[in-house]
């Protein structure tokens, strides 16, 4: 009888572990997708910042007092 109870305990633990592993795998996959989207957004923002910092047109210059003041 004790062996049956022990076997049931082991089977129950295995079932919970398998479910946990599946849930963790799904979570990792979801986080990987989110990380990829965040990396894409970061690259886009970095590119935009670089473009803006290289833009030296008069409209992008900070407001300065003209030299005759």
N, C-alpha and C. Protein backbone atom coordinates (compact mmCIF):
# COMPACT_ATOMS: atom_id res chain seq x y z
N UNK A 1 0.81 -1.19 0.00
CA UNK A 1 0.00 0.00 0.00
C UNK A 1 0.86 1.26 0.00
N UNK A 2 1.90 1.24 0.83
CA UNK A 2 2.77 2.41 0.88
C UNK A 2 3.45 2.65 -0.46
N UNK A 3 3.75 1.60 -1.17
CA UNK A 3 4.38 1.74 -2.48
C UNK A 3 3.41 2.41 -3.46
N UNK A 4 2.12 2.09 -3.37
CA UNK A 4 1.12 2.74 -4.23
C UNK A 4 1.03 4.23 -3.93
N UNK A 5 1.03 4.57 -2.66
CA UNK A 5 0.97 5.98 -2.25
C UNK A 5 2.22 6.72 -2.73
N UNK A 6 3.34 6.07 -2.61
CA UNK A 6 4.60 6.68 -3.05
C UNK A 6 4.60 6.90 -4.56
N UNK A 7 4.10 5.90 -5.29
CA UNK A 7 4.02 6.00 -6.74
C UNK A 7 3.07 7.14 -7.14
N UNK A 8 1.95 7.25 -6.45
CA UNK A 8 1.00 8.32 -6.72
C UNK A 8 1.64 9.68 -6.46
N UNK A 9 2.37 9.79 -5.37
CA UNK A 9 3.08 11.04 -5.04
C UNK A 9 4.07 11.41 -6.14
N UNK A 10 4.84 10.45 -6.60
CA UNK A 10 5.82 10.71 -7.66
C UNK A 10 5.14 11.11 -8.97
N UNK A 11 4.06 10.43 -9.31
CA UNK A 11 3.32 10.77 -10.53
C UNK A 11 2.73 12.17 -10.45
N UNK A 12 2.23 12.52 -9.27
CA UNK A 12 1.67 13.86 -9.07
C UNK A 12 2.75 14.92 -9.20
N UNK A 13 3.88 14.69 -8.59
CA UNK A 13 5.01 15.64 -8.71
C UNK A 13 5.44 15.79 -10.16
N UNK A 14 5.54 14.68 -10.87
CA UNK A 14 5.94 14.71 -12.27
C UNK A 14 4.95 15.52 -13.10
N UNK A 15 3.66 15.34 -12.84
CA UNK A 15 2.63 16.08 -13.56
C UNK A 15 2.80 17.59 -13.34
N UNK A 16 2.99 18.00 -12.09
CA UNK A 16 3.17 19.42 -11.79
C UNK A 16 4.46 19.96 -12.41
N UNK A 17 5.51 19.18 -12.38
CA UNK A 17 6.78 19.63 -12.98
C UNK A 17 6.64 19.78 -14.48
N UNK A 18 5.97 18.86 -15.13
CA UNK A 18 5.77 18.97 -16.58
C UNK A 18 4.96 20.21 -16.92
N UNK A 19 3.92 20.48 -16.13
CA UNK A 19 3.11 21.67 -16.37
C UNK A 19 3.94 22.94 -16.15
N UNK A 20 4.74 22.95 -15.11
CA UNK A 20 5.58 24.11 -14.83
C UNK A 20 6.59 24.34 -15.95
N UNK A 21 7.19 23.27 -16.44
CA UNK A 21 8.16 23.39 -17.54
C UNK A 21 7.47 23.95 -18.79
N UNK A 22 6.28 23.48 -19.08
CA UNK A 22 5.53 23.98 -20.23
C UNK A 22 5.22 25.47 -20.07
N UNK A 23 4.75 25.86 -18.89
CA UNK A 23 4.43 27.26 -18.63
C UNK A 23 5.68 28.14 -18.73
N UNK A 24 6.78 27.67 -18.21
CA UNK A 24 8.03 28.44 -18.29
C UNK A 24 8.50 28.57 -19.73
N UNK A 25 8.36 27.51 -20.51
CA UNK A 25 8.73 27.58 -21.92
C UNK A 25 7.89 28.61 -22.67
N UNK A 26 6.60 28.64 -22.38
CA UNK A 26 5.72 29.63 -23.01
C UNK A 26 6.10 31.04 -22.59
N UNK A 27 6.44 31.20 -21.33
CA UNK A 27 6.85 32.51 -20.82
C UNK A 27 8.14 32.97 -21.48
N UNK A 28 9.09 32.08 -21.62
CA UNK A 28 10.36 32.42 -22.26
C UNK A 28 10.12 32.83 -23.72
N UNK A 29 9.26 32.11 -24.41
CA UNK A 29 8.96 32.44 -25.81
C UNK A 29 8.31 33.81 -25.91
N UNK A 30 7.38 34.12 -25.00
CA UNK A 30 6.73 35.43 -25.01
C UNK A 30 7.73 36.54 -24.72
N UNK A 31 8.62 36.31 -23.77
CA UNK A 31 9.62 37.33 -23.44
C UNK A 31 10.60 37.53 -24.59
N UNK A 32 10.92 36.45 -25.29
CA UNK A 32 11.82 36.58 -26.44
C UNK A 32 11.20 37.48 -27.50
N UNK A 33 9.91 37.30 -27.75
CA UNK A 33 9.22 38.16 -28.70
C UNK A 33 9.22 39.61 -28.26
N UNK A 34 8.96 39.82 -26.98
CA UNK A 34 8.94 41.19 -26.45
C UNK A 34 10.33 41.82 -26.54
N UNK A 35 11.35 41.06 -26.22
CA UNK A 35 12.73 41.57 -26.29
C UNK A 35 13.06 41.96 -27.73
N UNK A 36 12.67 41.14 -28.69
CA UNK A 36 12.93 41.47 -30.10
C UNK A 36 12.25 42.77 -30.50
N UNK A 37 10.98 42.94 -30.08
CA UNK A 37 10.27 44.18 -30.41
C UNK A 37 10.94 45.38 -29.75
N UNK A 38 11.37 45.22 -28.50
CA UNK A 38 12.04 46.31 -27.80
C UNK A 38 13.38 46.65 -28.45
N UNK A 39 14.11 45.62 -28.89
CA UNK A 39 15.38 45.88 -29.57
C UNK A 39 15.15 46.61 -30.88
N UNK A 40 14.12 46.23 -31.62
CA UNK A 40 13.78 46.93 -32.86
C UNK A 40 13.44 48.39 -32.59
N UNK A 41 12.64 48.63 -31.55
CA UNK A 41 12.27 49.99 -31.19
C UNK A 41 13.50 50.79 -30.77
N UNK A 42 14.39 50.17 -30.01
CA UNK A 42 15.60 50.85 -29.57
C UNK A 42 16.48 51.23 -30.76
N UNK A 43 16.62 50.30 -31.72
CA UNK A 43 17.41 50.61 -32.91
C UNK A 43 16.79 51.78 -33.68
N UNK A 44 15.47 51.80 -33.77
CA UNK A 44 14.78 52.88 -34.46
C UNK A 44 15.00 54.22 -33.77
N UNK A 45 14.89 54.23 -32.46
CA UNK A 45 15.10 55.47 -31.71
C UNK A 45 16.56 55.91 -31.82
N UNK A 46 17.49 54.97 -31.71
CA UNK A 46 18.91 55.32 -31.81
C UNK A 46 19.22 55.90 -33.19
N UNK A 47 18.64 55.33 -34.22
CA UNK A 47 18.85 55.84 -35.58
C UNK A 47 18.28 57.25 -35.71
N UNK A 48 17.11 57.46 -35.14
CA UNK A 48 16.48 58.79 -35.20
C UNK A 48 17.32 59.82 -34.45
N UNK A 49 17.82 59.46 -33.28
CA UNK A 49 18.66 60.37 -32.50
C UNK A 49 19.94 60.69 -33.28
N UNK A 50 20.53 59.69 -33.90
CA UNK A 50 21.74 59.91 -34.69
C UNK A 50 21.44 60.85 -35.85
N UNK A 51 20.33 60.62 -36.55
CA UNK A 51 19.96 61.49 -37.66
C UNK A 51 19.74 62.92 -37.20
N UNK A 52 19.08 63.10 -36.07
CA UNK A 52 18.83 64.44 -35.56
C UNK A 52 20.11 65.12 -35.10
N UNK A 53 21.04 64.35 -34.53
CA UNK A 53 22.28 64.95 -34.05
C UNK A 53 23.19 65.34 -35.22
N UNK A 54 23.05 64.66 -36.35
CA UNK A 54 23.85 64.98 -37.53
C UNK A 54 23.23 66.08 -38.37
N UNK A 55 21.97 66.40 -38.14
CA UNK A 55 21.26 67.41 -38.91
C UNK A 55 21.73 68.79 -38.44
N UNK A 56 22.39 69.52 -39.30
CA UNK A 56 22.93 70.84 -38.94
C UNK A 56 22.21 71.96 -39.68
N UNK A 57 21.00 71.72 -40.11
CA UNK A 57 20.27 72.77 -40.82
C UNK A 57 19.94 73.90 -39.86
N UNK A 58 19.69 75.10 -40.38
CA UNK A 58 19.39 76.25 -39.50
C UNK A 58 18.19 76.01 -38.60
N UNK A 59 17.25 75.24 -39.06
CA UNK A 59 16.07 74.99 -38.24
C UNK A 59 16.39 74.12 -37.03
N UNK A 60 17.43 73.34 -37.13
CA UNK A 60 17.76 72.45 -36.02
C UNK A 60 18.74 73.09 -35.04
N UNK A 61 19.29 74.27 -35.38
CA UNK A 61 20.24 74.94 -34.50
C UNK A 61 19.50 75.50 -33.28
N UNK A 62 20.14 75.47 -32.13
CA UNK A 62 19.48 76.05 -30.95
C UNK A 62 19.34 77.56 -31.11
N UNK A 63 18.39 78.11 -30.42
CA UNK A 63 18.19 79.56 -30.51
C UNK A 63 19.36 80.27 -29.83
N UNK A 64 20.10 81.02 -30.63
CA UNK A 64 21.23 81.78 -30.09
C UNK A 64 21.03 83.24 -30.45
N UNK A 65 21.64 84.07 -29.69
CA UNK A 65 21.56 85.50 -29.99
C UNK A 65 22.42 85.77 -31.23
N UNK A 66 21.94 86.57 -32.11
CA UNK A 66 22.74 86.92 -33.28
C UNK A 66 24.05 87.60 -32.84
N UNK A 67 25.07 87.54 -33.69
CA UNK A 67 26.38 88.08 -33.31
C UNK A 67 26.39 89.59 -33.04
N UNK A 68 25.44 90.35 -33.59
CA UNK A 68 25.48 91.81 -33.42
C UNK A 68 24.91 92.26 -32.08
N UNK A 69 24.49 91.39 -31.21
CA UNK A 69 23.99 91.79 -29.89
C UNK A 69 25.10 91.92 -28.90
